[in-house]
Amino acid sequence: MARSGASFHRSQGLMGRIRQHNRTANQHRQPRIVPYRLPSRAPWLNPIEPHWLWAKRFVYNVESPLTPELLQKRVYDYFDKKNATISMGS
């Protein structure tokens, strides 16, 4: 049986980073990452999918390479800004 999805989504390295992030997130009351598998050819099942293009443009709109810490900060900044916009519209 062939597996679907990108191999880096299932790598041990990524899963280790997620576990480490979740430990730190619990200590600092930050959002945790809870991975779950969706069919690779069904993006409509993933509600975050439409946001990735905009998030990538926001996060990578820099002149120099990003450190992991700066990448995390920019992702949080994007979604904090997005959540504030959604809250104001409600």
N, C-alpha and C. Protein backbone atom coordinates (compact mmCIF):
# COMPACT_ATOMS: atom_id res chain seq x y z
N MET A 1 0.85 -1.18 0.00
CA MET A 1 0.00 0.00 0.00
C MET A 1 0.89 1.25 0.00
N ALA A 2 0.67 2.12 -0.93
CA ALA A 2 1.47 3.35 -1.03
C ALA A 2 0.98 4.37 0.00
N ARG A 3 1.94 5.07 0.57
CA ARG A 3 1.60 6.13 1.52
C ARG A 3 1.41 7.43 0.76
N SER A 4 0.56 8.27 1.27
CA SER A 4 0.34 9.56 0.64
C SER A 4 0.95 10.66 1.51
N GLY A 5 1.11 11.82 0.93
CA GLY A 5 1.64 12.96 1.65
C GLY A 5 3.15 13.04 1.55
N ALA A 6 3.68 14.16 1.93
CA ALA A 6 5.12 14.40 1.88
C ALA A 6 5.83 13.58 2.96
N SER A 7 6.97 13.01 2.59
CA SER A 7 7.69 12.16 3.54
C SER A 7 8.14 12.94 4.77
N PHE A 8 8.45 14.25 4.60
CA PHE A 8 8.90 15.02 5.76
C PHE A 8 7.78 15.23 6.77
N HIS A 9 6.53 15.05 6.37
CA HIS A 9 5.42 15.15 7.32
C HIS A 9 5.38 13.97 8.27
N ARG A 10 6.04 12.88 7.92
CA ARG A 10 6.02 11.68 8.75
C ARG A 10 7.38 11.36 9.35
N SER A 11 8.37 12.20 9.14
CA SER A 11 9.73 11.88 9.56
C SER A 11 9.85 11.86 11.09
N GLN A 12 10.78 11.04 11.56
CA GLN A 12 11.04 10.97 13.00
C GLN A 12 11.57 12.30 13.52
N GLY A 13 12.37 12.98 12.69
CA GLY A 13 12.89 14.28 13.09
C GLY A 13 11.79 15.29 13.34
N LEU A 14 10.84 15.33 12.42
CA LEU A 14 9.72 16.26 12.59
C LEU A 14 8.89 15.90 13.81
N MET A 15 8.61 14.61 13.99
CA MET A 15 7.80 14.20 15.15
C MET A 15 8.53 14.55 16.45
N GLY A 16 9.86 14.41 16.46
CA GLY A 16 10.64 14.79 17.64
C GLY A 16 10.56 16.29 17.92
N ARG A 17 10.62 17.09 16.84
CA ARG A 17 10.50 18.55 17.01
C ARG A 17 9.11 18.93 17.53
N ILE A 18 8.09 18.24 17.04
CA ILE A 18 6.74 18.51 17.52
C ILE A 18 6.62 18.17 19.01
N ARG A 19 7.17 17.01 19.40
CA ARG A 19 7.13 16.63 20.83
C ARG A 19 7.85 17.68 21.69
N GLN A 20 9.03 18.12 21.23
CA GLN A 20 9.79 19.13 21.98
C GLN A 20 9.01 20.44 22.06
N HIS A 21 8.42 20.86 20.94
CA HIS A 21 7.63 22.08 20.93
C HIS A 21 6.47 21.98 21.92
N ASN A 22 5.79 20.83 21.93
CA ASN A 22 4.63 20.66 22.81
C ASN A 22 5.04 20.70 24.27
N ARG A 23 6.20 20.14 24.61
CA ARG A 23 6.67 20.24 26.00
C ARG A 23 6.89 21.69 26.38
N THR A 24 7.57 22.43 25.53
CA THR A 24 7.83 23.85 25.79
C THR A 24 6.53 24.65 25.80
N ALA A 25 5.66 24.35 24.87
CA ALA A 25 4.38 25.07 24.77
C ALA A 25 3.56 24.88 26.04
N ASN A 26 3.55 23.67 26.57
CA ASN A 26 2.80 23.43 27.81
C ASN A 26 3.34 24.27 28.95
N GLN A 27 4.66 24.40 29.03
CA GLN A 27 5.28 25.18 30.12
C GLN A 27 4.97 26.67 29.99
N HIS A 28 4.84 27.16 28.76
CA HIS A 28 4.65 28.59 28.53
C HIS A 28 3.22 28.96 28.11
N ARG A 29 2.31 27.99 28.23
CA ARG A 29 0.91 28.21 27.88
C ARG A 29 0.75 28.74 26.45
N GLN A 30 1.46 28.10 25.52
CA GLN A 30 1.36 28.43 24.11
C GLN A 30 0.59 27.32 23.41
N PRO A 31 0.17 27.57 22.18
CA PRO A 31 -0.56 26.53 21.44
C PRO A 31 0.31 25.30 21.18
N ARG A 32 -0.29 24.13 21.30
CA ARG A 32 0.40 22.88 21.00
C ARG A 32 0.11 22.48 19.56
N ILE A 33 0.93 21.61 19.03
CA ILE A 33 0.73 21.07 17.69
C ILE A 33 0.18 19.66 17.84
N VAL A 34 -0.97 19.40 17.24
CA VAL A 34 -1.57 18.07 17.29
C VAL A 34 -1.69 17.57 15.85
N PRO A 35 -0.74 16.74 15.41
CA PRO A 35 -0.79 16.27 14.02
C PRO A 35 -1.84 15.19 13.82
N TYR A 36 -2.48 15.21 12.69
CA TYR A 36 -3.36 14.13 12.30
C TYR A 36 -3.32 14.04 10.78
N ARG A 37 -3.55 12.88 10.27
CA ARG A 37 -3.40 12.64 8.84
C ARG A 37 -4.72 12.85 8.10
N LEU A 38 -4.59 13.53 6.98
CA LEU A 38 -5.70 13.74 6.06
C LEU A 38 -5.29 13.19 4.70
N PRO A 39 -6.23 12.81 3.86
CA PRO A 39 -5.86 12.36 2.52
C PRO A 39 -5.11 13.47 1.77
N SER A 40 -4.05 13.11 1.06
CA SER A 40 -3.22 14.12 0.39
C SER A 40 -3.95 14.82 -0.75
N ARG A 41 -4.93 14.20 -1.33
CA ARG A 41 -5.63 14.81 -2.45
C ARG A 41 -7.01 15.34 -2.04
N ALA A 42 -7.14 15.79 -0.82
CA ALA A 42 -8.41 16.33 -0.34
C ALA A 42 -8.17 17.57 0.51
N PRO A 43 -7.59 18.65 -0.08
CA PRO A 43 -7.27 19.84 0.71
C PRO A 43 -8.49 20.50 1.33
N TRP A 44 -9.69 20.27 0.78
CA TRP A 44 -10.90 20.88 1.33
C TRP A 44 -11.23 20.34 2.73
N LEU A 45 -10.62 19.21 3.11
CA LEU A 45 -10.85 18.66 4.44
C LEU A 45 -10.01 19.37 5.51
N ASN A 46 -9.03 20.12 5.07
CA ASN A 46 -8.11 20.79 5.99
C ASN A 46 -8.43 22.28 6.03
N PRO A 47 -9.04 22.77 7.10
CA PRO A 47 -9.46 24.18 7.14
C PRO A 47 -8.30 25.18 7.11
N ILE A 48 -7.08 24.74 7.40
CA ILE A 48 -5.94 25.67 7.40
C ILE A 48 -5.39 25.88 5.99
N GLU A 49 -5.71 24.99 5.07
CA GLU A 49 -5.12 25.01 3.73
C GLU A 49 -5.21 26.37 3.03
N PRO A 50 -6.37 27.05 3.04
CA PRO A 50 -6.44 28.35 2.35
C PRO A 50 -5.52 29.42 2.95
N HIS A 51 -5.13 29.24 4.20
CA HIS A 51 -4.30 30.25 4.86
C HIS A 51 -2.82 30.10 4.55
N TRP A 52 -2.38 28.94 4.07
CA TRP A 52 -0.95 28.71 3.90
C TRP A 52 -0.31 29.65 2.90
N LEU A 53 -0.95 29.92 1.78
CA LEU A 53 -0.37 30.81 0.79
C LEU A 53 -0.12 32.19 1.40
N TRP A 54 -1.11 32.71 2.10
CA TRP A 54 -0.96 34.03 2.70
C TRP A 54 0.05 34.03 3.83
N ALA A 55 0.04 32.97 4.63
CA ALA A 55 1.01 32.88 5.72
C ALA A 55 2.43 32.80 5.18
N LYS A 56 2.64 32.01 4.14
CA LYS A 56 3.98 31.89 3.55
C LYS A 56 4.46 33.23 3.01
N ARG A 57 3.58 33.96 2.35
CA ARG A 57 3.97 35.28 1.84
C ARG A 57 4.35 36.22 2.98
N PHE A 58 3.61 36.20 4.06
CA PHE A 58 3.89 37.05 5.22
C PHE A 58 5.21 36.65 5.88
N VAL A 59 5.37 35.36 6.12
CA VAL A 59 6.53 34.86 6.86
C VAL A 59 7.83 35.02 6.08
N TYR A 60 7.80 34.72 4.79
CA TYR A 60 9.02 34.74 3.99
C TYR A 60 9.27 36.05 3.29
N ASN A 61 8.54 37.07 3.60
CA ASN A 61 8.72 38.38 3.00
C ASN A 61 9.87 39.12 3.69
N VAL A 62 11.05 38.53 3.65
CA VAL A 62 12.23 39.10 4.28
C VAL A 62 13.41 38.97 3.33
N GLU A 63 14.42 39.79 3.54
CA GLU A 63 15.61 39.79 2.69
C GLU A 63 16.65 38.75 3.10
N SER A 64 16.70 38.41 4.37
CA SER A 64 17.73 37.49 4.86
C SER A 64 17.12 36.16 5.29
N PRO A 65 17.94 35.10 5.37
CA PRO A 65 17.42 33.80 5.81
C PRO A 65 16.85 33.88 7.23
N LEU A 66 15.87 33.06 7.50
CA LEU A 66 15.22 33.05 8.81
C LEU A 66 15.84 32.00 9.71
N THR A 67 16.05 32.35 10.97
CA THR A 67 16.43 31.36 11.97
C THR A 67 15.16 30.63 12.38
N PRO A 68 15.28 29.43 12.97
CA PRO A 68 14.06 28.76 13.44
C PRO A 68 13.25 29.61 14.41
N GLU A 69 13.94 30.36 15.28
CA GLU A 69 13.23 31.20 16.25
C GLU A 69 12.47 32.32 15.58
N LEU A 70 13.12 32.97 14.58
CA LEU A 70 12.45 34.05 13.87
C LEU A 70 11.30 33.53 13.02
N LEU A 71 11.48 32.36 12.42
CA LEU A 71 10.40 31.73 11.67
C LEU A 71 9.20 31.49 12.57
N GLN A 72 9.42 30.93 13.76
CA GLN A 72 8.33 30.67 14.69
C GLN A 72 7.64 31.97 15.09
N LYS A 73 8.43 33.01 15.37
CA LYS A 73 7.86 34.29 15.77
C LYS A 73 6.99 34.87 14.64
N ARG A 74 7.47 34.80 13.40
CA ARG A 74 6.71 35.36 12.28
C ARG A 74 5.42 34.58 12.03
N VAL A 75 5.47 33.26 12.19
CA VAL A 75 4.24 32.46 12.05
C VAL A 75 3.24 32.85 13.13
N TYR A 76 3.71 32.95 14.40
CA TYR A 76 2.81 33.37 15.48
C TYR A 76 2.25 34.76 15.21
N ASP A 77 3.11 35.69 14.74
CA ASP A 77 2.65 37.05 14.45
C ASP A 77 1.56 37.04 13.38
N TYR A 78 1.76 36.23 12.33
CA TYR A 78 0.75 36.18 11.27
C TYR A 78 -0.59 35.70 11.81
N PHE A 79 -0.57 34.59 12.55
CA PHE A 79 -1.85 34.04 13.02
C PHE A 79 -2.45 34.87 14.15
N ASP A 80 -1.62 35.56 14.95
CA ASP A 80 -2.17 36.49 15.94
C ASP A 80 -2.89 37.63 15.22
N LYS A 81 -2.28 38.15 14.17
CA LYS A 81 -2.90 39.23 13.39
C LYS A 81 -4.17 38.73 12.72
N LYS A 82 -4.13 37.52 12.18
CA LYS A 82 -5.30 36.93 11.52
C LYS A 82 -6.43 36.73 12.53
N ASN A 83 -6.11 36.22 13.72
CA ASN A 83 -7.13 36.01 14.75
C ASN A 83 -7.72 37.33 15.22
N ALA A 84 -6.90 38.37 15.32
CA ALA A 84 -7.41 39.67 15.74
C ALA A 84 -8.39 40.22 14.69
N THR A 85 -8.09 40.00 13.41
CA THR A 85 -8.97 40.46 12.34
C THR A 85 -10.30 39.71 12.39
N ILE A 86 -10.22 38.40 12.62
CA ILE A 86 -11.44 37.59 12.70
C ILE A 86 -12.27 38.02 13.90
N SER A 87 -11.64 38.25 15.05
CA SER A 87 -12.35 38.66 16.27
C SER A 87 -13.05 40.00 16.08
N MET A 88 -12.39 40.93 15.39
CA MET A 88 -12.99 42.24 15.18
C MET A 88 -14.20 42.17 14.26
N GLY A 89 -14.20 41.19 13.34
CA GLY A 89 -15.31 41.05 12.41
C GLY A 89 -16.52 40.39 13.03
N SER A 90 -16.35 39.72 14.17
CA SER A 90 -17.47 39.00 14.79
C SER A 90 -18.35 39.91 15.60
